[in-house]
Amino acid sequence: MSLIDTRSVTPKTMGEFIRRQIRVALHAKGVSTTAEIAQVTGVSFPTISKTLDDMNDQGEVILSGLGASSGGRRPKEYQINPAYRSGLIVRLDRECTTYTLLNYVGDVIAQESQPSVMAQGPEQLTEQLTQYVNRYSNLSTITFGIAGAVNEGRAVYIPSFHAFKNFEFKTYYEERFALRVEAVNDVNASVFGYFDRLGFDKSLSLVYIYLGPVGIGAAILMNGEVVRGSTFFAGEIATLPLYDEKKFIQVMNETTLSHSEDAKRIQRDAIGRVVATFTSIINPHRLIFSGKEIPDLVLESIRESSAKYVVEENIPDLVVSNWEQDYGHGLRQTTINSMLGIGVE
């Protein structure tokens, strides 16, 4: 299957497509020769050689040394120039807004926190962002991590940040700063981060559930792709009508502050119903919980609760993961992909 639509190929788009493949190959391996890149990409040696020369002249790739000889002259080895461009991660949280700057190979080179923009909205966010855009001349990409549903860069459901409802993160900031902008749901970023840390096994179907202080949400990943839904509302499990007159979020809110055994039982039953729902509809390989500590004993209780509604052998593996690691890694990989041009037409 062709990786590009041949009907729309021009010399410019083909050239950028080849550059993109070279970037991905170099990022994956770190250092490569022309022959190695040609073999990985399937592009001819002369084309790769000419493109590498151009990218070297422009400073995007640099010579890192000479490879092993197979009898003739030792081949040149190339790597991505870390200083060529950078990407900014903007994580919007209740307590603060965290800005993390990555170099071209994904290393963190700066990180700092600013006051939360939750109440003030886009105007204060723009003021903060402008500082970084002016400070870093090689900035090429901004990635927003948002606690809400995002439809192609627009916040369509963002209960914790009412001032940003329907705000066009992608369109507004791409036009204002002339940079590539991505806006991603926090739990979608987390399942992508978990999946990538797992080794990018596309045979796995995953459901990632966040239960924490900033709300409740889920993300679904199948065949290596995050499932967002027709209106990008997939995963908003807080609205699930698990009981006659109560949604999942209502049951969790009513029982979270109580330490009684009855409250714990009700909460485990509610979570068990969510597990049973995903089991019946998607039948995933694994369901990951994050956001708060869930001991193995509680996981077993959730499995038992879920088994009241579905046959137990169909229930996926239930595991606990680290929210901060998964979310941070997901935002980092999204930003790296954006800098490399992956997924950008």
C-alpha atoms as a PDB file:
ATOM      1  CA  MET A   1       0.000   0.000   0.000  1.00  0.00           C
ATOM      2  CA  SER A   2       1.382   3.430  -0.924  1.00  0.00           C
ATOM      3  CA  LEU A   3       2.183   5.783   1.928  1.00  0.00           C
ATOM      4  CA  ILE A   4       1.106   8.847  -0.057  1.00  0.00           C
ATOM      5  CA  ASP A   5      -1.712   9.767  -2.435  1.00  0.00           C
ATOM      6  CA  THR A   6       0.025   9.630  -5.817  1.00  0.00           C
ATOM      7  CA  ARG A   7      -2.694  11.781  -7.377  1.00  0.00           C
ATOM      8  CA  SER A   8      -1.479  14.801  -5.404  1.00  0.00           C
ATOM      9  CA  VAL A   9       2.279  14.203  -5.714  1.00  0.00           C
ATOM     10  CA  THR A  10       4.392  17.163  -6.801  1.00  0.00           C
ATOM     11  CA  PRO A  11       8.190  17.506  -6.682  1.00  0.00           C
ATOM     12  CA  LYS A  12       7.761  19.598  -3.518  1.00  0.00           C
ATOM     13  CA  THR A  13       5.497  17.106  -1.720  1.00  0.00           C
ATOM     14  CA  MET A  14       7.681  14.181  -2.775  1.00  0.00           C
ATOM     15  CA  GLY A  15      10.764  15.996  -1.521  1.00  0.00           C
ATOM     16  CA  GLU A  16       9.152  16.668   1.852  1.00  0.00           C
ATOM     17  CA  PHE A  17       7.941  13.064   2.041  1.00  0.00           C
ATOM     18  CA  ILE A  18      11.521  11.828   1.561  1.00  0.00           C
ATOM     19  CA  ARG A  19      12.823  14.280   4.157  1.00  0.00           C
ATOM     20  CA  ARG A  20      10.196  13.051   6.569  1.00  0.00           C
ATOM     21  CA  GLN A  21      11.310   9.452   6.077  1.00  0.00           C
ATOM     22  CA  ILE A  22      14.931  10.439   6.666  1.00  0.00           C
ATOM     23  CA  ARG A  23      13.991  12.267   9.875  1.00  0.00           C
ATOM     24  CA  VAL A  24      12.076   9.266  11.175  1.00  0.00           C
ATOM     25  CA  ALA A  25      14.920   6.884  10.314  1.00  0.00           C
ATOM     26  CA  LEU A  26      17.529   9.072  11.998  1.00  0.00           C
ATOM     27  CA  HIS A  27      15.377   9.666  15.059  1.00  0.00           C
ATOM     28  CA  ALA A  28      14.746   5.951  15.469  1.00  0.00           C
ATOM     29  CA  LYS A  29      18.383   4.888  15.192  1.00  0.00           C
ATOM     30  CA  GLY A  30      20.226   8.032  16.258  1.00  0.00           C
ATOM     31  CA  VAL A  31      23.069   7.717  13.744  1.00  0.00           C
ATOM     32  CA  SER A  32      22.875   6.211  10.232  1.00  0.00           C
ATOM     33  CA  THR A  33      24.721   6.071   6.939  1.00  0.00           C
ATOM     34  CA  THR A  34      23.180   6.871   3.565  1.00  0.00           C
ATOM     35  CA  ALA A  35      23.005   3.176   2.693  1.00  0.00           C
ATOM     36  CA  GLU A  36      21.266   2.315   5.970  1.00  0.00           C
ATOM     37  CA  ILE A  37      18.647   5.029   5.465  1.00  0.00           C
ATOM     38  CA  ALA A  38      18.074   3.935   1.857  1.00  0.00           C
ATOM     39  CA  GLN A  39      17.537   0.369   3.019  1.00  0.00           C
ATOM     40  CA  VAL A  40      15.080   1.355   5.770  1.00  0.00           C
ATOM     41  CA  THR A  41      13.061   3.802   3.658  1.00  0.00           C
ATOM     42  CA  GLY A  42      13.121   1.985   0.321  1.00  0.00           C
ATOM     43  CA  VAL A  43      14.232   5.205  -1.395  1.00  0.00           C
ATOM     44  CA  SER A  44      17.146   5.009  -3.843  1.00  0.00           C
ATOM     45  CA  PHE A  45      20.692   5.632  -2.607  1.00  0.00           C
ATOM     46  CA  PRO A  46      21.296   8.650  -4.924  1.00  0.00           C
ATOM     47  CA  THR A  47      18.039  10.317  -3.795  1.00  0.00           C
ATOM     48  CA  ILE A  48      18.834   9.815  -0.110  1.00  0.00           C
ATOM     49  CA  SER A  49      22.401  11.032  -0.672  1.00  0.00           C
ATOM     50  CA  LYS A  50      21.253  14.222  -2.441  1.00  0.00           C
ATOM     51  CA  THR A  51      18.563  14.932   0.175  1.00  0.00           C
ATOM     52  CA  LEU A  52      21.004  14.371   3.049  1.00  0.00           C
ATOM     53  CA  ASP A  53      23.444  16.814   1.439  1.00  0.00           C
ATOM     54  CA  ASP A  54      20.685  19.433   1.234  1.00  0.00           C
ATOM     55  CA  MET A  55      19.587  18.812   4.840  1.00  0.00           C
ATOM     56  CA  ASN A  56      23.218  19.015   5.965  1.00  0.00           C
ATOM     57  CA  ASP A  57      23.712  22.335   4.152  1.00  0.00           C
ATOM     58  CA  GLN A  58      20.588  23.686   5.877  1.00  0.00           C
ATOM     59  CA  GLY A  59      21.738  22.493   9.295  1.00  0.00           C
ATOM     60  CA  GLU A  60      18.923  19.995   9.895  1.00  0.00           C
ATOM     61  CA  VAL A  61      21.295  17.024   9.965  1.00  0.00           C
ATOM     62  CA  ILE A  62      24.966  16.960  10.875  1.00  0.00           C
ATOM     63  CA  LEU A  63      27.881  14.650  10.155  1.00  0.00           C
ATOM     64  CA  SER A  64      28.690  12.613  13.233  1.00  0.00           C
ATOM     65  CA  GLY A  65      31.637  10.600  11.935  1.00  0.00           C
ATOM     66  CA  LEU A  66      32.495   7.742   9.627  1.00  0.00           C
ATOM     67  CA  GLY A  67      31.015   4.259   9.632  1.00  0.00           C
ATOM     68  CA  ALA A  68      32.773   0.920   9.314  1.00  0.00           C
ATOM     69  CA  SER A  69      34.347   0.191   5.946  1.00  0.00           C
ATOM     70  CA  SER A  70      33.373  -2.834   3.869  1.00  0.00           C
ATOM     71  CA  GLY A  71      36.473  -2.560   1.717  1.00  0.00           C
ATOM     72  CA  GLY A  72      36.235   0.905   0.208  1.00  0.00           C
ATOM     73  CA  ARG A  73      36.048   4.360   1.731  1.00  0.00           C
ATOM     74  CA  ARG A  74      34.357   4.600   5.115  1.00  0.00           C
ATOM     75  CA  PRO A  75      30.786   5.926   4.742  1.00  0.00           C
ATOM     76  CA  LYS A  76      29.633   9.173   6.324  1.00  0.00           C
ATOM     77  CA  GLU A  77      27.312   8.891   9.318  1.00  0.00           C
ATOM     78  CA  TYR A  78      24.550  11.418   9.917  1.00  0.00           C
ATOM     79  CA  GLN A  79      22.371  12.418  12.840  1.00  0.00           C
ATOM     80  CA  ILE A  80      19.636  14.950  13.503  1.00  0.00           C
ATOM     81  CA  ASN A  81      20.942  18.320  14.695  1.00  0.00           C
ATOM     82  CA  PRO A  82      19.329  18.704  18.155  1.00  0.00           C
ATOM     83  CA  ALA A  83      19.512  22.504  17.977  1.00  0.00           C
ATOM     84  CA  TYR A  84      17.867  22.821  14.554  1.00  0.00           C
ATOM     85  CA  ARG A  85      14.345  23.183  15.921  1.00  0.00           C
ATOM     86  CA  SER A  86      12.446  22.849  19.194  1.00  0.00           C
ATOM     87  CA  GLY A  87       8.962  22.015  20.411  1.00  0.00           C
ATOM     88  CA  LEU A  88       6.964  23.412  23.321  1.00  0.00           C
ATOM     89  CA  ILE A  89       4.623  21.311  25.461  1.00  0.00           C
ATOM     90  CA  VAL A  90       1.916  23.308  27.255  1.00  0.00           C
ATOM     91  CA  ARG A  91       0.134  21.352  29.941  1.00  0.00           C
ATOM     92  CA  LEU A  92      -3.025  23.055  31.212  1.00  0.00           C
ATOM     93  CA  ASP A  93      -3.791  22.058  34.809  1.00  0.00           C
ATOM     94  CA  ARG A  94      -5.925  23.500  37.584  1.00  0.00           C
ATOM     95  CA  GLU A  95      -2.978  24.442  39.772  1.00  0.00           C
ATOM     96  CA  CYS A  96      -0.620  25.807  37.119  1.00  0.00           C
ATOM     97  CA  THR A  97       0.360  25.807  33.461  1.00  0.00           C
ATOM     98  CA  THR A  98       3.553  23.863  32.790  1.00  0.00           C
ATOM     99  CA  TYR A  99       5.792  24.717  29.841  1.00  0.00           C
ATOM    100  CA  THR A 100       8.342  22.124  28.699  1.00  0.00           C
ATOM    101  CA  LEU A 101      10.787  22.802  25.869  1.00  0.00           C
ATOM    102  CA  LEU A 102      12.187  19.887  23.846  1.00  0.00           C
ATOM    103  CA  ASN A 103      15.051  19.975  21.395  1.00  0.00           C
ATOM    104  CA  TYR A 104      14.764  18.304  17.986  1.00  0.00           C
ATOM    105  CA  VAL A 105      15.619  14.836  19.322  1.00  0.00           C
ATOM    106  CA  GLY A 106      13.175  15.088  22.235  1.00  0.00           C
ATOM    107  CA  ASP A 107      15.474  15.965  25.131  1.00  0.00           C
ATOM    108  CA  VAL A 108      14.011  18.293  27.765  1.00  0.00           C
ATOM    109  CA  ILE A 109      16.074  21.492  27.730  1.00  0.00           C
ATOM    110  CA  ALA A 110      13.850  23.756  29.847  1.00  0.00           C
ATOM    111  CA  GLN A 111      10.781  23.459  32.049  1.00  0.00           C
ATOM    112  CA  GLU A 112       8.915  25.952  34.184  1.00  0.00           C
ATOM    113  CA  SER A 113       5.468  26.608  35.614  1.00  0.00           C
ATOM    114  CA  GLN A 114       3.266  29.674  35.257  1.00  0.00           C
ATOM    115  CA  PRO A 115       0.014  30.571  37.053  1.00  0.00           C
ATOM    116  CA  SER A 116      -3.020  28.570  35.963  1.00  0.00           C
ATOM    117  CA  VAL A 117      -5.061  30.100  33.155  1.00  0.00           C
ATOM    118  CA  MET A 118      -8.170  28.076  34.027  1.00  0.00           C
ATOM    119  CA  ALA A 119     -10.266  31.070  35.086  1.00  0.00           C
ATOM    120  CA  GLN A 120      -8.801  33.845  32.928  1.00  0.00           C
ATOM    121  CA  GLY A 121      -8.903  31.930  29.665  1.00  0.00           C
ATOM    122  CA  PRO A 122      -7.204  32.416  26.277  1.00  0.00           C
ATOM    123  CA  GLU A 123      -6.017  35.985  26.870  1.00  0.00           C
ATOM    124  CA  GLN A 124      -3.735  35.067  29.769  1.00  0.00           C
ATOM    125  CA  LEU A 125      -2.594  31.896  27.996  1.00  0.00           C
ATOM    126  CA  THR A 126      -1.614  33.960  24.959  1.00  0.00           C
ATOM    127  CA  GLU A 127       0.366  36.361  27.149  1.00  0.00           C
ATOM    128  CA  GLN A 128       2.292  33.467  28.654  1.00  0.00           C
ATOM    129  CA  LEU A 129       2.853  31.748  25.312  1.00  0.00           C
ATOM    130  CA  THR A 130       4.158  34.889  23.647  1.00  0.00           C
ATOM    131  CA  GLN A 131       7.072  34.957  26.097  1.00  0.00           C
ATOM    132  CA  TYR A 132       8.256  31.541  24.912  1.00  0.00           C
ATOM    133  CA  VAL A 133       7.677  32.167  21.216  1.00  0.00           C
ATOM    134  CA  ASN A 134       9.762  35.344  21.458  1.00  0.00           C
ATOM    135  CA  ARG A 135      12.440  33.629  23.565  1.00  0.00           C
ATOM    136  CA  TYR A 136      13.057  30.597  21.327  1.00  0.00           C
ATOM    137  CA  SER A 137      13.669  31.530  17.698  1.00  0.00           C
ATOM    138  CA  ASN A 138      13.875  27.893  16.527  1.00  0.00           C
ATOM    139  CA  LEU A 139      10.472  26.947  17.961  1.00  0.00           C
ATOM    140  CA  SER A 140       8.472  25.017  15.358  1.00  0.00           C
ATOM    141  CA  THR A 141       5.757  23.198  17.299  1.00  0.00           C
ATOM    142  CA  ILE A 142       3.390  23.742  20.230  1.00  0.00           C
ATOM    143  CA  THR A 143       1.487  20.852  21.819  1.00  0.00           C
ATOM    144  CA  PHE A 144      -1.340  21.512  24.289  1.00  0.00           C
ATOM    145  CA  GLY A 145      -2.398  18.893  26.831  1.00  0.00           C
ATOM    146  CA  ILE A 146      -6.043  19.517  27.739  1.00  0.00           C
ATOM    147  CA  ALA A 147      -8.385  17.951  30.301  1.00  0.00           C
ATOM    148  CA  GLY A 148     -11.355  17.750  27.949  1.00  0.00           C
ATOM    149  CA  ALA A 149     -12.645  16.537  24.594  1.00  0.00           C
ATOM    150  CA  VAL A 150     -10.787  18.042  21.634  1.00  0.00           C
ATOM    151  CA  ASN A 151     -12.144  18.067  18.091  1.00  0.00           C
ATOM    152  CA  GLU A 152      -9.399  18.847  15.564  1.00  0.00           C
ATOM    153  CA  GLY A 153      -7.814  21.425  17.837  1.00  0.00           C
ATOM    154  CA  ARG A 154     -11.039  22.849  19.291  1.00  0.00           C
ATOM    155  CA  ALA A 155     -12.015  22.257  22.933  1.00  0.00           C
ATOM    156  CA  VAL A 156     -15.581  20.956  22.639  1.00  0.00           C
ATOM    157  CA  TYR A 157     -16.031  19.654  26.191  1.00  0.00           C
ATOM    158  CA  ILE A 158     -13.744  21.050  28.861  1.00  0.00           C
ATOM    159  CA  PRO A 159     -15.555  21.037  32.236  1.00  0.00           C
ATOM    160  CA  SER A 160     -12.575  22.248  34.287  1.00  0.00           C
ATOM    161  CA  PHE A 161     -11.801  25.199  32.002  1.00  0.00           C
ATOM    162  CA  HIS A 162     -15.104  26.880  31.103  1.00  0.00           C
ATOM    163  CA  ALA A 163     -13.297  29.946  29.757  1.00  0.00           C
ATOM    164  CA  PHE A 164     -11.854  27.739  26.994  1.00  0.00           C
ATOM    165  CA  LYS A 165     -15.097  26.103  25.852  1.00  0.00           C
ATOM    166  CA  ASN A 166     -15.130  25.907  22.037  1.00  0.00           C
ATOM    167  CA  PHE A 167     -11.781  27.692  21.885  1.00  0.00           C
ATOM    168  CA  GLU A 168      -9.874  26.913  18.680  1.00  0.00           C
ATOM    169  CA  PHE A 169      -6.425  26.153  20.078  1.00  0.00           C
ATOM    170  CA  LYS A 170      -4.989  24.893  16.794  1.00  0.00           C
ATOM    171  CA  THR A 171      -6.432  27.463  14.385  1.00  0.00           C
ATOM    172  CA  TYR A 172      -5.915  30.478  16.642  1.00  0.00           C
ATOM    173  CA  TYR A 173      -2.306  29.826  17.582  1.00  0.00           C
ATOM    174  CA  GLU A 174      -1.200  28.580  14.160  1.00  0.00           C
ATOM    175  CA  GLU A 175      -2.451  31.840  12.676  1.00  0.00           C
ATOM    176  CA  ARG A 176      -1.018  33.978  15.474  1.00  0.00           C
ATOM    177  CA  PHE A 177       2.457  32.440  15.703  1.00  0.00           C
ATOM    178  CA  ALA A 178       2.881  30.679  12.313  1.00  0.00           C
ATOM    179  CA  LEU A 179       3.847  27.461  14.111  1.00  0.00           C
ATOM    180  CA  ARG A 180       2.521  23.917  13.933  1.00  0.00           C
ATOM    181  CA  VAL A 181       0.027  23.399  16.782  1.00  0.00           C
ATOM    182  CA  GLU A 182      -1.497  20.231  18.235  1.00  0.00           C
ATOM    183  CA  ALA A 183      -4.124  20.063  20.990  1.00  0.00           C
ATOM    184  CA  VAL A 184      -4.673  16.661  22.592  1.00  0.00           C
ATOM    185  CA  ASN A 185      -6.961  15.255  25.251  1.00  0.00           C
ATOM    186  CA  ASP A 186      -5.018  14.347  28.382  1.00  0.00           C
ATOM    187  CA  VAL A 187      -6.216  10.744  28.628  1.00  0.00           C
ATOM    188  CA  ASN A 188      -5.729  10.161  24.890  1.00  0.00           C
ATOM    189  CA  ALA A 189      -2.166  11.413  25.309  1.00  0.00           C
ATOM    190  CA  SER A 190      -1.742   9.050  28.260  1.00  0.00           C
ATOM    191  CA  VAL A 191      -2.900   5.920  26.441  1.00  0.00           C
ATOM    192  CA  PHE A 192      -0.607   6.834  23.547  1.00  0.00           C
ATOM    193  CA  GLY A 193       2.251   7.313  26.014  1.00  0.00           C
ATOM    194  CA  TYR A 194       1.530   3.969  27.683  1.00  0.00           C
ATOM    195  CA  PHE A 195       1.300   2.262  24.284  1.00  0.00           C
ATOM    196  CA  ASP A 196       4.578   3.773  23.106  1.00  0.00           C
ATOM    197  CA  ARG A 197       6.375   2.818  26.329  1.00  0.00           C
ATOM    198  CA  LEU A 198       5.009  -0.703  25.852  1.00  0.00           C
ATOM    199  CA  GLY A 199       6.833  -0.999  22.547  1.00  0.00           C
ATOM    200  CA  PHE A 200       4.210   0.081  19.999  1.00  0.00           C
ATOM    201  CA  ASP A 201       2.569  -3.351  19.737  1.00  0.00           C
ATOM    202  CA  LYS A 202      -0.299  -2.700  17.302  1.00  0.00           C
ATOM    203  CA  SER A 203      -1.882  -6.070  18.023  1.00  0.00           C
ATOM    204  CA  LEU A 204      -2.970  -4.836  21.467  1.00  0.00           C
ATOM    205  CA  SER A 205      -6.300  -3.118  22.095  1.00  0.00           C
ATOM    206  CA  LEU A 206      -6.196  -0.928  25.197  1.00  0.00           C
ATOM    207  CA  VAL A 207      -8.598   1.024  27.383  1.00  0.00           C
ATOM    208  CA  TYR A 208      -7.030   3.603  29.699  1.00  0.00           C
ATOM    209  CA  ILE A 209      -9.140   4.906  32.598  1.00  0.00           C
ATOM    210  CA  TYR A 210      -8.177   7.961  34.634  1.00  0.00           C
ATOM    211  CA  LEU A 211      -9.715   8.281  38.104  1.00  0.00           C
ATOM    212  CA  GLY A 212      -8.211  11.274  39.843  1.00  0.00           C
ATOM    213  CA  PRO A 213      -8.574  14.720  41.373  1.00  0.00           C
ATOM    214  CA  VAL A 214      -9.148  16.498  38.057  1.00  0.00           C
ATOM    215  CA  GLY A 215     -12.019  14.248  36.965  1.00  0.00           C
ATOM    216  CA  ILE A 216     -12.796  10.984  35.249  1.00  0.00           C
ATOM    217  CA  GLY A 217     -12.037   9.963  31.697  1.00  0.00           C
ATOM    218  CA  ALA A 218     -11.035   7.117  29.434  1.00  0.00           C
ATOM    219  CA  ALA A 219      -9.161   6.579  26.199  1.00  0.00           C
ATOM    220  CA  ILE A 220      -9.397   3.742  23.699  1.00  0.00           C
ATOM    221  CA  LEU A 221      -6.550   2.542  21.487  1.00  0.00           C
ATOM    222  CA  MET A 222      -7.010  -0.086  18.780  1.00  0.00           C
ATOM    223  CA  ASN A 223      -4.654  -1.165  15.971  1.00  0.00           C
ATOM    224  CA  GLY A 224      -2.151   1.441  17.116  1.00  0.00           C
ATOM    225  CA  GLU A 225      -4.628   4.325  16.771  1.00  0.00           C
ATOM    226  CA  VAL A 226      -6.484   6.315  19.420  1.00  0.00           C
ATOM    227  CA  VAL A 227     -10.254   6.035  18.871  1.00  0.00           C
ATOM    228  CA  ARG A 228     -11.718   9.527  19.182  1.00  0.00           C
ATOM    229  CA  GLY A 229     -15.248   9.003  17.865  1.00  0.00           C
ATOM    230  CA  SER A 230     -17.296  10.860  15.255  1.00  0.00           C
ATOM    231  CA  THR A 231     -17.524  14.015  17.393  1.00  0.00           C
ATOM    232  CA  PHE A 232     -14.329  13.333  19.377  1.00  0.00           C
ATOM    233  CA  PHE A 233     -16.372  12.546  22.509  1.00  0.00           C
ATOM    234  CA  ALA A 234     -15.188   8.943  22.888  1.00  0.00           C
ATOM    235  CA  GLY A 235     -13.924   8.184  26.380  1.00  0.00           C
ATOM    236  CA  GLU A 236     -16.043  10.676  28.327  1.00  0.00           C
ATOM    237  CA  ILE A 237     -17.145   7.926  30.709  1.00  0.00           C
ATOM    238  CA  ALA A 238     -18.188  10.388  33.428  1.00  0.00           C
ATOM    239  CA  THR A 239     -21.528  10.661  31.622  1.00  0.00           C
ATOM    240  CA  LEU A 240     -22.226   6.906  31.529  1.00  0.00           C
ATOM    241  CA  PRO A 241     -25.746   6.222  32.932  1.00  0.00           C
ATOM    242  CA  LEU A 242     -24.795   3.210  35.030  1.00  0.00           C
ATOM    243  CA  TYR A 243     -27.794   3.467  37.353  1.00  0.00           C
ATOM    244  CA  ASP A 244     -31.432   4.486  36.918  1.00  0.00           C
ATOM    245  CA  GLU A 245     -30.938   8.109  37.919  1.00  0.00           C
ATOM    246  CA  LYS A 246     -27.203   8.519  38.315  1.00  0.00           C
ATOM    247  CA  LYS A 247     -24.215   8.860  36.040  1.00  0.00           C
ATOM    248  CA  PHE A 248     -20.831   7.317  36.779  1.00  0.00           C
ATOM    249  CA  ILE A 249     -19.383  10.663  37.903  1.00  0.00           C
ATOM    250  CA  GLN A 250     -22.219  11.184  40.381  1.00  0.00           C
ATOM    251  CA  VAL A 251     -21.678   7.808  42.021  1.00  0.00           C
ATOM    252  CA  MET A 252     -17.920   8.387  42.249  1.00  0.00           C
ATOM    253  CA  ASN A 253     -18.334  11.880  43.719  1.00  0.00           C
ATOM    254  CA  GLU A 254     -20.810  10.652  46.332  1.00  0.00           C
ATOM    255  CA  THR A 255     -18.573   7.805  47.500  1.00  0.00           C
ATOM    256  CA  THR A 256     -15.054   9.233  47.170  1.00  0.00           C
ATOM    257  CA  LEU A 257     -15.061  11.245  50.405  1.00  0.00           C
ATOM    258  CA  SER A 258     -16.555   8.445  52.459  1.00  0.00           C
ATOM    259  CA  HIS A 259     -14.334   5.774  53.974  1.00  0.00           C
ATOM    260  CA  SER A 260     -17.167   3.436  54.883  1.00  0.00           C
ATOM    261  CA  GLU A 261     -17.126  -0.122  53.601  1.00  0.00           C
ATOM    262  CA  ASP A 262     -20.514   0.418  51.959  1.00  0.00           C
ATOM    263  CA  ALA A 263     -19.190   3.398  49.986  1.00  0.00           C
ATOM    264  CA  LYS A 264     -16.167   1.379  48.864  1.00  0.00           C
ATOM    265  CA  ARG A 265     -18.455  -1.462  47.762  1.00  0.00           C
ATOM    266  CA  ILE A 266     -20.651   0.913  45.739  1.00  0.00           C
ATOM    267  CA  GLN A 267     -17.591   2.465  44.112  1.00  0.00           C
ATOM    268  CA  ARG A 268     -16.117  -0.911  43.160  1.00  0.00           C
ATOM    269  CA  ASP A 269     -19.467  -1.938  41.704  1.00  0.00           C
ATOM    270  CA  ALA A 270     -19.614   1.240  39.608  1.00  0.00           C
ATOM    271  CA  ILE A 271     -16.095   0.700  38.289  1.00  0.00           C
ATOM    272  CA  GLY A 272     -16.918  -2.964  37.682  1.00  0.00           C
ATOM    273  CA  ARG A 273     -19.873  -1.903  35.546  1.00  0.00           C
ATOM    274  CA  VAL A 274     -17.595   0.339  33.474  1.00  0.00           C
ATOM    275  CA  VAL A 275     -15.194  -2.582  32.977  1.00  0.00           C
ATOM    276  CA  ALA A 276     -18.111  -4.803  31.948  1.00  0.00           C
ATOM    277  CA  THR A 277     -19.296  -2.145  29.493  1.00  0.00           C
ATOM    278  CA  PHE A 278     -15.916  -1.918  27.765  1.00  0.00           C
ATOM    279  CA  THR A 279     -15.610  -5.714  27.822  1.00  0.00           C
ATOM    280  CA  SER A 280     -18.959  -6.125  26.075  1.00  0.00           C
ATOM    281  CA  ILE A 281     -18.429  -3.431  23.449  1.00  0.00           C
ATOM    282  CA  ILE A 282     -14.696  -3.543  22.690  1.00  0.00           C
ATOM    283  CA  ASN A 283     -13.357  -6.672  24.419  1.00  0.00           C
ATOM    284  CA  PRO A 284      -9.872  -5.148  24.873  1.00  0.00           C
ATOM    285  CA  HIS A 285      -6.704  -7.019  25.767  1.00  0.00           C
ATOM    286  CA  ARG A 286      -5.909  -4.746  28.681  1.00  0.00           C
ATOM    287  CA  LEU A 287      -7.619  -2.113  30.806  1.00  0.00           C
ATOM    288  CA  ILE A 288      -5.292   0.323  32.560  1.00  0.00           C
ATOM    289  CA  PHE A 289      -6.220   2.357  35.643  1.00  0.00           C
ATOM    290  CA  SER A 290      -4.328   5.484  36.651  1.00  0.00           C
ATOM    291  CA  GLY A 291      -4.720   8.675  38.631  1.00  0.00           C
ATOM    292  CA  LYS A 292      -4.787   7.164  42.093  1.00  0.00           C
ATOM    293  CA  GLU A 293      -3.359   4.188  43.897  1.00  0.00           C
ATOM    294  CA  ILE A 294      -5.374   1.022  43.301  1.00  0.00           C
ATOM    295  CA  PRO A 295      -3.937  -1.951  45.218  1.00  0.00           C
ATOM    296  CA  ASP A 296      -3.966  -5.430  43.688  1.00  0.00           C
ATOM    297  CA  LEU A 297      -6.648  -6.427  46.194  1.00  0.00           C
ATOM    298  CA  VAL A 298      -8.956  -3.695  44.888  1.00  0.00           C
ATOM    299  CA  LEU A 299      -8.261  -4.725  41.283  1.00  0.00           C
ATOM    300  CA  GLU A 300      -9.389  -8.231  42.161  1.00  0.00           C
ATOM    301  CA  SER A 301     -12.559  -6.819  43.768  1.00  0.00           C
ATOM    302  CA  ILE A 302     -13.254  -4.792  40.614  1.00  0.00           C
ATOM    303  CA  ARG A 303     -12.822  -7.944  38.538  1.00  0.00           C
ATOM    304  CA  GLU A 304     -15.273  -9.788  40.801  1.00  0.00           C
ATOM    305  CA  SER A 305     -17.780  -6.923  40.511  1.00  0.00           C
ATOM    306  CA  SER A 306     -17.446  -6.909  36.732  1.00  0.00           C
ATOM    307  CA  ALA A 307     -17.928 -10.695  36.617  1.00  0.00           C
ATOM    308  CA  LYS A 308     -21.483 -10.173  37.890  1.00  0.00           C
ATOM    309  CA  TYR A 309     -22.333  -8.661  34.505  1.00  0.00           C
ATOM    310  CA  VAL A 310     -20.085 -10.475  31.980  1.00  0.00           C
ATOM    311  CA  VAL A 311     -18.450 -13.898  31.826  1.00  0.00           C
ATOM    312  CA  GLU A 312     -15.148 -13.525  33.694  1.00  0.00           C
ATOM    313  CA  GLU A 313     -12.972 -15.127  31.017  1.00  0.00           C
ATOM    314  CA  ASN A 314     -13.845 -12.196  28.735  1.00  0.00           C
ATOM    315  CA  ILE A 315     -12.675  -9.551  31.208  1.00  0.00           C
ATOM    316  CA  PRO A 316      -9.359  -8.007  30.092  1.00  0.00           C
ATOM    317  CA  ASP A 317      -6.183  -7.835  32.122  1.00  0.00           C
ATOM    318  CA  LEU A 318      -6.633  -5.128  34.769  1.00  0.00           C
ATOM    319  CA  VAL A 319      -3.449  -3.205  35.564  1.00  0.00           C
ATOM    320  CA  VAL A 320      -2.389   0.048  37.210  1.00  0.00           C
ATOM    321  CA  SER A 321      -0.016   2.530  35.572  1.00  0.00           C
ATOM    322  CA  ASN A 322       1.631   5.845  36.422  1.00  0.00           C
ATOM    323  CA  TRP A 323      -0.419   8.775  35.138  1.00  0.00           C
ATOM    324  CA  GLU A 324       2.410  11.324  35.186  1.00  0.00           C
ATOM    325  CA  GLN A 325       4.764   9.042  33.260  1.00  0.00           C
ATOM    326  CA  ASP A 326       2.161   8.065  30.666  1.00  0.00           C
ATOM    327  CA  TYR A 327       0.784  11.586  30.165  1.00  0.00           C
ATOM    328  CA  GLY A 328       4.231  13.172  30.014  1.00  0.00           C
ATOM    329  CA  HIS A 329       5.533  10.559  27.580  1.00  0.00           C
ATOM    330  CA  GLY A 330       2.450  10.887  25.374  1.00  0.00           C
ATOM    331  CA  LEU A 331       2.821  14.673  25.116  1.00  0.00           C
ATOM    332  CA  ARG A 332       6.541  14.295  24.433  1.00  0.00           C
ATOM    333  CA  GLN A 333       6.013  11.768  21.622  1.00  0.00           C
ATOM    334  CA  THR A 334       3.230  13.866  20.088  1.00  0.00           C
ATOM    335  CA  THR A 335       5.565  16.868  20.055  1.00  0.00           C
ATOM    336  CA  ILE A 336       8.452  14.873  18.565  1.00  0.00           C
ATOM    337  CA  ASN A 337       6.167  13.493  15.841  1.00  0.00           C
ATOM    338  CA  SER A 338       4.970  17.004  15.063  1.00  0.00           C
ATOM    339  CA  MET A 339       8.552  18.293  14.769  1.00  0.00           C
ATOM    340  CA  LEU A 340       9.455  15.369  12.500  1.00  0.00           C
ATOM    341  CA  GLY A 341       6.363  15.990  10.377  1.00  0.00           C
ATOM    342  CA  ILE A 342       4.721  12.638  11.107  1.00  0.00           C
ATOM    343  CA  GLY A 343       0.984  12.775  10.460  1.00  0.00           C
ATOM    344  CA  VAL A 344       1.258  16.189   8.827  1.00  0.00           C
ATOM    345  CA  GLU A 345       0.078  16.557   5.261  1.00  0.00           C
END
